[in-house]
Amino acid sequence: MSKFEEIQVSFLDVACDGGSGALGHPKVYLKIEPDKGAIACPYCSRTYVLAQSAKRSASH
């Protein structure tokens, strides 16, 4: 079983379009909950993980 792509980000708000151009999916905007630190795209299951440095700044 292959692991879904994991992308580290510095912001709580992210956009995902599947990354495959015309073969991707509709762009969706996702908001990472600071206490959870990650969110998965409902279309492609890419997981966006808040970087450690961003977690510290997000809590202020």
N, C-alpha and C. Protein backbone atom coordinates (compact mmCIF):
# COMPACT_ATOMS: atom_id res chain seq x y z
N MET A 1 0.85 -1.19 0.00
CA MET A 1 0.00 0.00 0.00
C MET A 1 0.89 1.24 0.00
N SER A 2 0.67 2.15 -0.94
CA SER A 2 1.50 3.34 -1.01
C SER A 2 0.99 4.43 -0.07
N LYS A 3 1.93 5.21 0.45
CA LYS A 3 1.60 6.30 1.35
C LYS A 3 1.16 7.51 0.53
N PHE A 4 0.16 8.23 1.00
CA PHE A 4 -0.27 9.44 0.33
C PHE A 4 0.77 10.52 0.51
N GLU A 5 0.82 11.43 -0.43
CA GLU A 5 1.79 12.52 -0.40
C GLU A 5 1.57 13.40 0.82
N GLU A 6 2.67 13.77 1.48
CA GLU A 6 2.62 14.64 2.65
C GLU A 6 3.41 15.90 2.33
N ILE A 7 2.79 17.06 2.52
CA ILE A 7 3.40 18.33 2.18
C ILE A 7 3.47 19.20 3.43
N GLN A 8 4.68 19.68 3.77
CA GLN A 8 4.83 20.58 4.91
C GLN A 8 4.53 22.00 4.45
N VAL A 9 3.75 22.72 5.26
CA VAL A 9 3.36 24.09 4.94
C VAL A 9 3.62 25.00 6.13
N SER A 10 3.66 26.30 5.86
CA SER A 10 3.92 27.29 6.91
C SER A 10 2.68 28.09 7.28
N PHE A 11 1.57 27.83 6.60
CA PHE A 11 0.35 28.60 6.83
C PHE A 11 -0.80 27.67 7.18
N LEU A 12 -1.77 28.21 7.92
CA LEU A 12 -2.94 27.42 8.32
C LEU A 12 -3.91 27.21 7.17
N ASP A 13 -3.91 28.13 6.18
CA ASP A 13 -4.81 28.02 5.03
C ASP A 13 -4.03 27.50 3.84
N VAL A 14 -4.51 26.45 3.20
CA VAL A 14 -3.86 25.86 2.04
C VAL A 14 -4.89 25.62 0.94
N ALA A 15 -4.41 25.54 -0.30
CA ALA A 15 -5.27 25.22 -1.43
C ALA A 15 -4.72 23.97 -2.10
N CYS A 16 -5.60 23.09 -2.55
CA CYS A 16 -5.17 21.86 -3.22
C CYS A 16 -5.97 21.70 -4.51
N ASP A 17 -5.25 21.39 -5.60
CA ASP A 17 -5.92 21.13 -6.88
C ASP A 17 -5.51 19.77 -7.45
N GLY A 18 -4.89 18.96 -6.63
CA GLY A 18 -4.46 17.64 -7.06
C GLY A 18 -3.10 17.63 -7.71
N GLY A 19 -2.60 18.81 -8.10
CA GLY A 19 -1.27 18.93 -8.64
C GLY A 19 -1.02 18.30 -9.99
N SER A 20 -2.05 17.90 -10.70
CA SER A 20 -1.85 17.24 -11.99
C SER A 20 -2.40 18.05 -13.15
N GLY A 21 -2.43 19.35 -13.02
CA GLY A 21 -2.95 20.20 -14.10
C GLY A 21 -4.39 19.85 -14.43
N ALA A 22 -4.65 19.63 -15.69
CA ALA A 22 -6.02 19.31 -16.14
C ALA A 22 -6.51 17.97 -15.61
N LEU A 23 -5.60 17.11 -15.18
CA LEU A 23 -5.99 15.80 -14.65
C LEU A 23 -6.18 15.82 -13.13
N GLY A 24 -6.02 16.98 -12.51
CA GLY A 24 -6.19 17.10 -11.07
C GLY A 24 -7.66 17.09 -10.68
N HIS A 25 -8.01 17.89 -9.69
CA HIS A 25 -9.40 18.01 -9.25
C HIS A 25 -9.71 19.47 -9.02
N PRO A 26 -10.99 19.82 -8.78
CA PRO A 26 -11.32 21.22 -8.51
C PRO A 26 -10.51 21.73 -7.32
N LYS A 27 -10.09 22.98 -7.39
CA LYS A 27 -9.32 23.57 -6.29
C LYS A 27 -10.21 23.68 -5.05
N VAL A 28 -9.70 23.21 -3.94
CA VAL A 28 -10.40 23.34 -2.67
C VAL A 28 -9.48 24.06 -1.69
N TYR A 29 -10.08 24.82 -0.81
CA TYR A 29 -9.33 25.55 0.21
C TYR A 29 -9.56 24.85 1.55
N LEU A 30 -8.47 24.58 2.23
CA LEU A 30 -8.51 23.83 3.47
C LEU A 30 -7.90 24.66 4.59
N LYS A 31 -8.41 24.51 5.80
CA LYS A 31 -7.88 25.23 6.96
C LYS A 31 -7.38 24.20 7.97
N ILE A 32 -6.10 24.32 8.33
CA ILE A 32 -5.51 23.42 9.31
C ILE A 32 -5.84 23.92 10.71
N GLU A 33 -6.37 23.05 11.53
CA GLU A 33 -6.62 23.39 12.93
C GLU A 33 -5.27 23.34 13.65
N PRO A 34 -4.83 24.42 14.32
CA PRO A 34 -3.52 24.43 14.96
C PRO A 34 -3.30 23.29 15.95
N ASP A 35 -4.35 22.87 16.66
CA ASP A 35 -4.19 21.80 17.64
C ASP A 35 -4.04 20.42 16.97
N LYS A 36 -4.53 20.28 15.72
CA LYS A 36 -4.38 19.01 14.99
C LYS A 36 -3.09 19.00 14.17
N GLY A 37 -2.74 20.15 13.58
CA GLY A 37 -1.48 20.27 12.86
C GLY A 37 -1.44 19.68 11.47
N ALA A 38 -2.56 19.14 10.97
CA ALA A 38 -2.57 18.56 9.63
C ALA A 38 -4.01 18.46 9.13
N ILE A 39 -4.12 18.38 7.79
CA ILE A 39 -5.42 18.18 7.17
C ILE A 39 -5.21 17.43 5.86
N ALA A 40 -6.15 16.56 5.53
CA ALA A 40 -6.08 15.78 4.29
C ALA A 40 -7.09 16.32 3.29
N CYS A 41 -6.70 16.38 2.04
CA CYS A 41 -7.60 16.81 0.97
C CYS A 41 -8.69 15.74 0.78
N PRO A 42 -9.96 16.16 0.72
CA PRO A 42 -11.03 15.17 0.54
C PRO A 42 -11.05 14.54 -0.85
N TYR A 43 -10.40 15.15 -1.83
CA TYR A 43 -10.36 14.59 -3.19
C TYR A 43 -9.21 13.61 -3.38
N CYS A 44 -7.98 14.06 -3.06
CA CYS A 44 -6.80 13.26 -3.42
C CYS A 44 -6.04 12.69 -2.23
N SER A 45 -6.46 13.02 -1.04
CA SER A 45 -5.86 12.53 0.21
C SER A 45 -4.44 13.05 0.46
N ARG A 46 -3.99 14.05 -0.30
CA ARG A 46 -2.72 14.70 0.05
C ARG A 46 -2.89 15.22 1.46
N THR A 47 -1.85 15.08 2.27
CA THR A 47 -1.91 15.56 3.64
C THR A 47 -1.01 16.77 3.78
N TYR A 48 -1.58 17.86 4.27
CA TYR A 48 -0.83 19.09 4.51
C TYR A 48 -0.53 19.17 5.99
N VAL A 49 0.77 19.23 6.31
CA VAL A 49 1.22 19.21 7.70
C VAL A 49 1.86 20.54 8.02
N LEU A 50 1.43 21.14 9.12
CA LEU A 50 1.97 22.42 9.56
C LEU A 50 3.39 22.21 10.09
N ALA A 51 4.35 22.94 9.55
CA ALA A 51 5.75 22.83 9.97
C ALA A 51 5.89 23.22 11.44
N GLN A 52 6.86 22.65 12.12
CA GLN A 52 7.09 22.94 13.54
C GLN A 52 7.24 24.43 13.79
N SER A 53 7.99 25.13 12.96
CA SER A 53 8.19 26.58 13.15
C SER A 53 6.87 27.33 13.01
N ALA A 54 6.01 26.89 12.12
CA ALA A 54 4.70 27.51 11.94
C ALA A 54 3.80 27.24 13.13
N LYS A 55 3.90 26.05 13.74
CA LYS A 55 3.07 25.74 14.91
C LYS A 55 3.35 26.71 16.05
N ARG A 56 4.62 27.02 16.25
CA ARG A 56 4.97 27.95 17.33
C ARG A 56 4.40 29.32 17.05
N SER A 57 4.49 29.80 15.82
CA SER A 57 4.00 31.14 15.51
C SER A 57 2.48 31.18 15.47
N ALA A 58 1.83 30.07 15.13
CA ALA A 58 0.37 30.03 15.06
C ALA A 58 -0.27 30.10 16.43
N SER A 59 0.46 29.73 17.47
CA SER A 59 -0.14 29.71 18.81
C SER A 59 -0.11 31.07 19.49
N HIS A 60 0.55 32.07 18.87
CA HIS A 60 0.62 33.40 19.47
C HIS A 60 -0.52 34.27 19.05
